[in-house]
Each structure stands twice: as C-alpha cells, then as structure tokens.
Amino acid sequence: MQLDGKRVIQLEFHAGDIHFMGSDGEGDQASLVLNCDNEDQLREFYKKLVKDGKEVFGPVDSGWGAIVAHCIDQFGITWMLNYDKP
C-alpha cells in the first residue's frame, strides 16, 4: 500500500482467489479494480455490483486484449472490472 498524507494512492490485496486493487479519489470517493479469472466471472460480479447501483458501461472488449466493465455500486464505490484474455 502506498500512502500520500491521508489518502491511499494504491493498494493491492487478495481475498481467496479474488485479486483487488484500489485507491482513494477526491473527497469521499474510492475506487476498486477487480481482476477476474474469466469472462463469466467478470459478468457475474458486474451483475451483482450494478444491482441497485449505476452502470457506467457494461462488459466490452477493450481492444487491447481484455474484457472490461465499469460501474458504481449501491454504496458509491467505483468499480473497474478486468479480465485479460489469453
């Protein structure tokens, strides 16, 4: 974890098989990046996160070899989901 005063610049952690990265934004904003093992997992997590939240954009081919999605959950946390295709 890297800190800058009172803000988290970058963090990375694992919860079981799930790989997270994140940082603080301006004010009370926080964002997390979730690296997924496959496209189905990405779609499943996205569906659950966007429920009662806000869709920024659904799962799409990034053009650089990944499937990505972006949403804000019901608690105001910004999520970027990523699956690097083989």
C-alpha atoms as a PDB file:
ATOM      1  CA  MET A   1       0.000   0.000   0.000  1.00  0.00           C
ATOM      2  CA  GLN A   2       1.256   3.480  -0.859  1.00  0.00           C
ATOM      3  CA  LEU A   3       0.061   6.436   1.199  1.00  0.00           C
ATOM      4  CA  ASP A   4       0.102  10.154   0.434  1.00  0.00           C
ATOM      5  CA  GLY A   5      -0.818  12.058   3.567  1.00  0.00           C
ATOM      6  CA  LYS A   6      -4.297  10.804   4.398  1.00  0.00           C
ATOM      7  CA  ARG A   7      -5.053   9.225   1.007  1.00  0.00           C
ATOM      8  CA  VAL A   8      -4.352   5.749  -0.290  1.00  0.00           C
ATOM      9  CA  ILE A   9      -2.570   6.134  -3.633  1.00  0.00           C
ATOM     10  CA  GLN A  10      -2.508   2.439  -4.453  1.00  0.00           C
ATOM     11  CA  LEU A  11      -3.432  -0.786  -2.709  1.00  0.00           C
ATOM     12  CA  GLU A  12      -3.481  -4.420  -3.708  1.00  0.00           C
ATOM     13  CA  PHE A  13      -4.848  -7.422  -1.863  1.00  0.00           C
ATOM     14  CA  HIS A  14      -6.174 -10.919  -2.367  1.00  0.00           C
ATOM     15  CA  ALA A  15      -9.275 -12.431  -0.788  1.00  0.00           C
ATOM     16  CA  GLY A  16      -9.150 -16.124  -1.566  1.00  0.00           C
ATOM     17  CA  ASP A  17      -8.849 -16.351  -5.342  1.00  0.00           C
ATOM     18  CA  ILE A  18     -10.068 -12.781  -5.889  1.00  0.00           C
ATOM     19  CA  HIS A  19      -7.482 -10.096  -6.745  1.00  0.00           C
ATOM     20  CA  PHE A  20      -8.325  -6.462  -5.863  1.00  0.00           C
ATOM     21  CA  MET A  21      -6.547  -3.171  -6.473  1.00  0.00           C
ATOM     22  CA  GLY A  22      -7.765   0.253  -5.425  1.00  0.00           C
ATOM     23  CA  SER A  23      -7.160   3.868  -4.481  1.00  0.00           C
ATOM     24  CA  ASP A  24      -8.822   6.861  -2.871  1.00  0.00           C
ATOM     25  CA  GLY A  25     -10.283   9.525  -5.102  1.00  0.00           C
ATOM     26  CA  GLU A  26     -11.088  13.120  -4.339  1.00  0.00           C
ATOM     27  CA  GLY A  27     -13.216  13.699  -1.255  1.00  0.00           C
ATOM     28  CA  ASP A  28     -15.014  10.569  -0.076  1.00  0.00           C
ATOM     29  CA  GLN A  29     -14.625   8.684  -3.360  1.00  0.00           C
ATOM     30  CA  ALA A  30     -12.887   5.338  -3.535  1.00  0.00           C
ATOM     31  CA  SER A  31     -12.356   3.030  -6.459  1.00  0.00           C
ATOM     32  CA  LEU A  32     -11.514  -0.638  -6.784  1.00  0.00           C
ATOM     33  CA  VAL A  33     -10.230  -2.715  -9.673  1.00  0.00           C
ATOM     34  CA  LEU A  34     -11.246  -6.352  -9.709  1.00  0.00           C
ATOM     35  CA  ASN A  35      -9.144  -8.659 -11.882  1.00  0.00           C
ATOM     36  CA  CYS A  36     -11.250 -11.649 -12.887  1.00  0.00           C
ATOM     37  CA  ASP A  37     -10.224 -15.191 -13.825  1.00  0.00           C
ATOM     38  CA  ASN A  38     -12.566 -15.414 -16.827  1.00  0.00           C
ATOM     39  CA  GLU A  39     -15.275 -13.526 -18.699  1.00  0.00           C
ATOM     40  CA  ASP A  40     -18.139 -15.364 -16.971  1.00  0.00           C
ATOM     41  CA  GLN A  41     -16.783 -14.374 -13.567  1.00  0.00           C
ATOM     42  CA  LEU A  42     -16.477 -10.740 -14.697  1.00  0.00           C
ATOM     43  CA  ARG A  43     -20.089 -10.723 -15.910  1.00  0.00           C
ATOM     44  CA  GLU A  44     -21.327 -12.345 -12.682  1.00  0.00           C
ATOM     45  CA  PHE A  45     -19.520  -9.822 -10.449  1.00  0.00           C
ATOM     46  CA  TYR A  46     -20.652  -6.923 -12.646  1.00  0.00           C
ATOM     47  CA  LYS A  47     -24.304  -8.005 -12.475  1.00  0.00           C
ATOM     48  CA  LYS A  48     -24.144  -8.131  -8.673  1.00  0.00           C
ATOM     49  CA  LEU A  49     -22.284  -4.814  -8.308  1.00  0.00           C
ATOM     50  CA  VAL A  50     -24.553  -2.840 -10.638  1.00  0.00           C
ATOM     51  CA  LYS A  51     -27.728  -4.103  -8.901  1.00  0.00           C
ATOM     52  CA  ASP A  52     -29.110  -1.086  -7.025  1.00  0.00           C
ATOM     53  CA  GLY A  53     -26.086   0.867  -8.309  1.00  0.00           C
ATOM     54  CA  LYS A  54     -25.255   2.667 -11.539  1.00  0.00           C
ATOM     55  CA  GLU A  55     -23.932   1.307 -14.815  1.00  0.00           C
ATOM     56  CA  VAL A  56     -21.110   3.337 -16.361  1.00  0.00           C
ATOM     57  CA  PHE A  57     -20.517   0.772 -19.126  1.00  0.00           C
ATOM     58  CA  GLY A  58     -21.178  -2.944 -19.303  1.00  0.00           C
ATOM     59  CA  PRO A  59     -18.659  -5.636 -20.225  1.00  0.00           C
ATOM     60  CA  VAL A  60     -16.955  -4.805 -23.529  1.00  0.00           C
ATOM     61  CA  ASP A  61     -13.902  -5.877 -25.488  1.00  0.00           C
ATOM     62  CA  SER A  62     -11.253  -3.297 -24.698  1.00  0.00           C
ATOM     63  CA  GLY A  63      -9.371  -3.599 -27.982  1.00  0.00           C
ATOM     64  CA  TRP A  64      -6.121  -4.361 -26.098  1.00  0.00           C
ATOM     65  CA  GLY A  65      -6.869  -7.988 -25.201  1.00  0.00           C
ATOM     66  CA  ALA A  66      -9.130  -7.603 -22.188  1.00  0.00           C
ATOM     67  CA  ILE A  67     -12.812  -7.548 -21.324  1.00  0.00           C
ATOM     68  CA  VAL A  68     -13.589  -4.546 -19.088  1.00  0.00           C
ATOM     69  CA  ALA A  69     -16.604  -3.078 -17.310  1.00  0.00           C
ATOM     70  CA  HIS A  70     -17.213  -0.039 -15.103  1.00  0.00           C
ATOM     71  CA  CYS A  71     -19.942   0.636 -12.541  1.00  0.00           C
ATOM     72  CA  ILE A  72     -20.729   2.329  -9.244  1.00  0.00           C
ATOM     73  CA  ASP A  73     -22.206   0.108  -6.547  1.00  0.00           C
ATOM     74  CA  GLN A  74     -25.074   0.993  -4.223  1.00  0.00           C
ATOM     75  CA  PHE A  75     -22.597   2.457  -1.697  1.00  0.00           C
ATOM     76  CA  GLY A  76     -20.973   4.848  -4.191  1.00  0.00           C
ATOM     77  CA  ILE A  77     -17.809   2.779  -4.710  1.00  0.00           C
ATOM     78  CA  THR A  78     -16.492   2.908  -8.280  1.00  0.00           C
ATOM     79  CA  TRP A  79     -15.561  -0.489  -9.711  1.00  0.00           C
ATOM     80  CA  MET A  80     -13.454  -1.325 -12.749  1.00  0.00           C
ATOM     81  CA  LEU A  81     -13.594  -4.993 -13.668  1.00  0.00           C
ATOM     82  CA  ASN A  82     -10.946  -6.555 -15.874  1.00  0.00           C
ATOM     83  CA  TYR A  83     -10.330  -9.939 -17.490  1.00  0.00           C
ATOM     84  CA  ASP A  84      -7.127 -10.298 -19.510  1.00  0.00           C
ATOM     85  CA  LYS A  85      -7.923 -12.716 -22.313  1.00  0.00           C
ATOM     86  CA  PRO A  86      -5.313 -15.416 -23.010  1.00  0.00           C
END
